[in-house]
Amino acid sequence: MDAIWYYADRFGQQQGPVDADAIRALFQQGELRPASLVWRDGLGAWQPLAQLAAELGIDVPAVPPPLPSAAPSQRVIVAPTSSRSTAVIVLAVVGFGLLVFVGILAAIAIPAYQDYTVRARIAEGLNQASALRVHVIDVFEQEGRCPNNGEDGVEAEESYAGTFVEKIVVGTLEDDDSACAIEVTYRGSVDLDLDDDGPGRVLMYLDEDQDWVYQSNIGRRYLPLSIRDRLDD
């Protein structure tokens, strides 16, 4: 099995995994240079590409020695490259990559978690409304009328209040007294994406075919798919 390689690009950022063919192609394109750092499993530390050229099948041109100095009495001492410096560079590259990765995860996970929390709060009222819908249909089919809060087994509006629900109103539509309706109103403490000044609400009513139709000023992404598909905009 071919070795899996990683490399540091021209900006010092870790890239990979790639195979040896990709390393050779990047070198031919000028994206990698003899001094570019590369690593594979089995290497103790990142190494310049030139040191692994034979293994990768890369022809690194020879670098001519420096021209003789005009003043032979002057000498320049060059300190050898420390392996500790290479390790610091590698750690910096890896650390920066991890920091970027964690930032991306946070940017995705935090909004998703916030949306999930709001959906759970919305569900508190919708679960109660589901039971009321069954009762409303039973009364309508048996007696041909809509029940109201405080009668026919329907409790008072505030009796349905909870941590996030302010009240649930059962009755008829204001502009159509033949349409049975249920409206869930949420407390202002629920952080909703509202289309108006609120409070957040979900209205459901029976149409002529005895199917439930929904209206809401709450952001669509917070509502269950079963309601989104039947919103009366």
Protein backbone atom coordinates (compact mmCIF):
# COMPACT_ATOMS: atom_id res chain seq x y z
CA MET A 1 0.00 0.00 0.00
CA ASP A 2 1.38 3.43 -0.98
CA ALA A 3 2.36 5.74 1.83
CA ILE A 4 0.04 8.60 2.76
CA TRP A 5 1.76 12.01 2.76
CA TYR A 6 1.13 15.39 4.35
CA TYR A 7 2.80 18.66 3.41
CA ALA A 8 3.02 22.30 4.45
CA ASP A 9 1.86 24.69 1.71
CA ARG A 10 3.42 28.04 0.89
CA PHE A 11 1.41 29.64 3.71
CA GLY A 12 2.69 27.15 6.28
CA GLN A 13 -0.64 25.34 6.59
CA GLN A 14 -0.86 21.56 6.80
CA GLN A 15 -2.43 19.84 3.80
CA GLY A 16 -3.19 16.18 3.06
CA PRO A 17 -3.53 13.32 3.16
CA VAL A 18 -2.31 12.78 -0.43
CA ASP A 19 -0.35 10.09 -2.22
CA ALA A 20 3.17 10.30 -3.64
CA ASP A 21 1.87 11.12 -7.13
CA ALA A 22 0.21 14.25 -5.76
CA ILE A 23 3.46 15.32 -4.04
CA ARG A 24 5.35 14.90 -7.33
CA ALA A 25 2.71 16.88 -9.23
CA LEU A 26 2.80 19.73 -6.69
CA PHE A 27 6.61 19.86 -6.97
CA GLN A 28 6.43 20.00 -10.79
CA GLN A 29 3.84 22.80 -10.57
CA GLY A 30 6.06 24.83 -8.26
CA GLU A 31 3.66 24.56 -5.34
CA LEU A 32 6.27 22.61 -3.39
CA ARG A 33 9.99 23.40 -3.23
CA PRO A 34 13.00 21.40 -2.05
CA ALA A 35 12.72 23.15 1.34
CA SER A 36 8.98 22.46 1.72
CA LEU A 37 8.19 20.31 4.76
CA VAL A 38 6.62 16.88 4.21
CA TRP A 39 5.73 13.98 6.48
CA ARG A 40 4.49 10.39 6.31
CA ASP A 41 3.87 7.68 8.86
CA GLY A 42 7.20 6.36 10.12
CA LEU A 43 9.05 9.67 10.06
CA GLY A 44 10.05 11.03 13.44
CA ALA A 45 9.50 14.65 12.35
CA TRP A 46 8.64 16.75 9.32
CA GLN A 47 11.51 16.88 6.81
CA PRO A 48 12.39 19.04 3.82
CA LEU A 49 11.22 17.57 0.54
CA ALA A 50 14.79 17.47 -0.74
CA GLN A 51 15.76 14.87 1.90
CA LEU A 52 13.03 12.50 0.67
CA ALA A 53 13.42 13.21 -3.04
CA ALA A 54 14.83 9.75 -3.83
CA GLU A 55 11.97 7.99 -2.04
CA LEU A 56 9.40 10.12 -3.85
CA GLY A 57 11.12 9.80 -7.23
CA ILE A 58 11.67 13.55 -7.51
CA ASP A 59 14.72 14.94 -9.28
CA VAL A 60 15.86 17.85 -7.14
CA PRO A 61 18.44 19.94 -9.06
CA ALA A 62 21.81 20.24 -7.38
CA VAL A 63 22.59 23.56 -5.75
CA PRO A 64 26.07 24.90 -6.66
CA PRO A 65 28.37 25.81 -3.79
CA PRO A 66 28.82 29.51 -3.01
CA LEU A 67 31.44 31.46 -4.96
CA PRO A 68 34.78 31.90 -3.23
CA SER A 69 35.01 35.06 -1.17
CA ALA A 70 37.15 37.95 -2.42
CA ALA A 71 38.58 38.23 1.05
CA PRO A 72 39.68 34.71 2.08
CA SER A 73 40.65 35.94 5.53
CA GLN A 74 36.98 36.64 6.32
CA ARG A 75 35.00 33.67 7.46
CA VAL A 76 31.27 33.29 8.01
CA ILE A 77 30.05 30.80 10.59
CA VAL A 78 26.61 29.32 9.87
CA ALA A 79 24.85 27.69 12.79
CA PRO A 80 23.36 24.29 12.01
CA THR A 81 19.59 24.06 11.80
CA SER A 82 18.16 22.87 15.10
CA SER A 83 15.69 20.00 15.10
CA ARG A 84 13.91 21.89 17.88
CA SER A 85 13.19 24.74 15.46
CA THR A 86 11.63 22.28 13.02
CA ALA A 87 9.48 20.84 15.81
CA VAL A 88 8.31 24.32 16.78
CA ILE A 89 7.30 25.03 13.18
CA VAL A 90 5.41 21.75 12.96
CA LEU A 91 3.62 22.40 16.24
CA ALA A 92 2.70 25.90 15.09
CA VAL A 93 1.29 24.57 11.81
CA VAL A 94 -0.67 21.81 13.55
CA GLY A 95 -1.89 24.16 16.28
CA PHE A 96 -3.13 26.71 13.76
CA GLY A 97 -4.90 23.99 11.80
CA LEU A 98 -6.61 22.70 14.94
CA LEU A 99 -7.66 26.22 15.89
CA VAL A 100 -9.27 26.75 12.48
CA PHE A 101 -10.95 23.34 12.64
CA VAL A 102 -12.38 23.99 16.10
CA GLY A 103 -13.62 27.40 14.97
CA ILE A 104 -15.44 25.87 12.00
CA LEU A 105 -17.05 23.22 14.22
CA ALA A 106 -18.18 25.87 16.68
CA ALA A 107 -19.65 28.02 13.91
CA ILE A 108 -21.74 25.04 12.77
CA ALA A 109 -22.61 23.40 16.08
CA ILE A 110 -23.64 26.42 18.17
CA PRO A 111 -26.41 27.71 15.81
CA ALA A 112 -27.65 24.14 15.28
CA TYR A 113 -27.88 23.58 19.02
CA GLN A 114 -29.70 26.90 19.50
CA ASP A 115 -32.26 25.95 16.83
CA TYR A 116 -32.73 22.54 18.45
CA THR A 117 -33.38 24.20 21.84
CA VAL A 118 -36.04 26.52 20.40
CA ARG A 119 -37.76 23.61 18.57
CA ALA A 120 -37.96 21.73 21.87
CA ARG A 121 -39.65 24.72 23.49
CA ILE A 122 -42.12 25.05 20.62
CA ALA A 123 -42.93 21.35 20.96
CA GLU A 124 -44.27 21.93 24.50
CA GLY A 125 -47.33 23.72 23.16
CA LEU A 126 -47.74 21.65 20.00
CA ASN A 127 -47.86 18.40 21.98
CA GLN A 128 -50.78 19.74 24.04
CA ALA A 129 -52.46 21.04 20.90
CA SER A 130 -52.24 17.58 19.29
CA ALA A 131 -54.40 16.09 22.03
CA LEU A 132 -56.85 18.98 21.77
CA ARG A 133 -57.18 18.53 18.00
CA VAL A 134 -58.52 15.00 18.52
CA HIS A 135 -61.03 16.28 21.07
CA VAL A 136 -62.15 19.18 18.85
CA ILE A 137 -62.80 16.84 15.93
CA ASP A 138 -64.79 14.44 18.13
CA VAL A 139 -67.05 17.23 19.41
CA PHE A 140 -67.51 18.67 15.93
CA GLU A 141 -68.39 15.31 14.36
CA GLN A 142 -70.80 14.34 17.14
CA GLU A 143 -72.47 17.72 17.77
CA GLY A 144 -71.69 19.75 14.66
CA ARG A 145 -70.13 22.62 16.62
CA CYS A 146 -66.78 23.78 17.96
CA PRO A 147 -65.91 23.42 21.66
CA ASN A 148 -64.55 26.37 23.63
CA ASN A 149 -62.31 26.79 26.65
CA GLY A 150 -64.13 25.90 29.85
CA GLU A 151 -66.63 23.49 28.28
CA ASP A 152 -66.86 20.03 26.73
CA GLY A 153 -63.78 18.85 28.58
CA VAL A 154 -61.62 21.73 27.33
CA GLU A 155 -59.86 23.53 30.17
CA ALA A 156 -59.40 27.29 30.61
CA GLU A 157 -56.81 29.04 28.43
CA GLU A 158 -54.23 29.49 31.20
CA SER A 159 -54.62 25.89 32.38
CA TYR A 160 -52.37 24.87 29.50
CA ALA A 161 -49.63 27.32 30.51
CA GLY A 162 -46.18 25.90 31.08
CA THR A 163 -42.55 26.92 31.15
CA PHE A 164 -42.70 28.25 27.59
CA VAL A 165 -46.44 28.26 26.82
CA GLU A 166 -48.53 31.24 27.94
CA LYS A 167 -51.96 29.90 26.99
CA ILE A 168 -53.91 27.79 24.50
CA VAL A 169 -57.19 29.16 23.15
CA VAL A 170 -59.82 26.78 21.75
CA GLY A 171 -62.84 28.09 19.86
CA THR A 172 -63.75 29.45 16.43
CA LEU A 173 -61.99 31.83 14.07
CA GLU A 174 -62.79 35.50 14.55
CA ASP A 175 -63.82 35.92 10.91
CA ASP A 176 -65.43 32.47 10.52
CA ASP A 177 -67.47 31.12 13.45
CA SER A 178 -67.91 27.78 11.68
CA ALA A 179 -64.18 26.98 11.63
CA CYS A 180 -62.89 25.23 14.76
CA ALA A 181 -59.52 26.56 15.80
CA ILE A 182 -56.73 26.14 18.36
CA GLU A 183 -54.13 28.84 19.01
CA VAL A 184 -50.97 28.27 21.04
CA THR A 185 -49.35 31.44 22.42
CA TYR A 186 -45.78 31.32 23.72
CA ARG A 187 -44.15 33.37 26.45
CA GLY A 188 -41.89 36.27 25.55
CA SER A 189 -38.94 34.49 27.16
CA VAL A 190 -38.82 32.04 24.26
CA ASP A 191 -36.21 33.40 21.85
CA LEU A 192 -38.05 33.09 18.54
CA ASP A 193 -37.40 34.47 15.07
CA LEU A 194 -40.76 36.26 14.70
CA ASP A 195 -42.27 37.87 11.61
CA ASP A 196 -43.84 40.59 13.79
CA ASP A 197 -43.57 42.00 17.31
CA GLY A 198 -45.02 38.84 18.85
CA PRO A 199 -45.79 37.09 21.00
CA GLY A 200 -44.99 33.88 19.15
CA ARG A 201 -48.05 31.89 18.21
CA VAL A 202 -49.22 28.90 16.18
CA LEU A 203 -52.83 28.92 14.93
CA MET A 204 -54.43 25.75 13.55
CA TYR A 205 -57.98 25.49 12.19
CA LEU A 206 -60.16 23.04 10.27
CA ASP A 207 -60.84 23.90 6.63
CA GLU A 208 -63.90 22.87 4.62
CA ASP A 209 -62.43 19.38 4.08
CA GLN A 210 -61.86 18.96 7.82
CA ASP A 211 -58.09 19.14 7.36
CA TRP A 212 -55.93 21.18 9.70
CA VAL A 213 -54.38 24.34 8.25
CA TYR A 214 -51.70 26.31 10.10
CA GLN A 215 -50.64 29.93 10.47
CA SER A 216 -47.69 31.16 12.51
CA ASN A 217 -45.45 34.18 12.97
CA ILE A 218 -42.59 31.94 14.19
CA GLY A 219 -39.59 31.33 11.93
CA ARG A 220 -40.26 28.32 9.71
CA ARG A 221 -37.04 26.57 10.72
CA TYR A 222 -38.36 26.19 14.27
CA LEU A 223 -41.59 24.46 13.21
CA PRO A 224 -42.00 20.70 12.55
CA LEU A 225 -42.01 19.66 8.89
CA SER A 226 -45.63 18.49 9.25
CA ILE A 227 -46.63 22.09 10.00
CA ARG A 228 -44.27 23.82 7.55
CA ASP A 229 -45.83 21.91 4.66
CA ARG A 230 -49.35 23.06 5.63
CA LEU A 231 -48.76 26.69 6.50
CA ASP A 232 -51.40 29.05 5.17
CA ASP A 233 -49.19 31.99 4.16
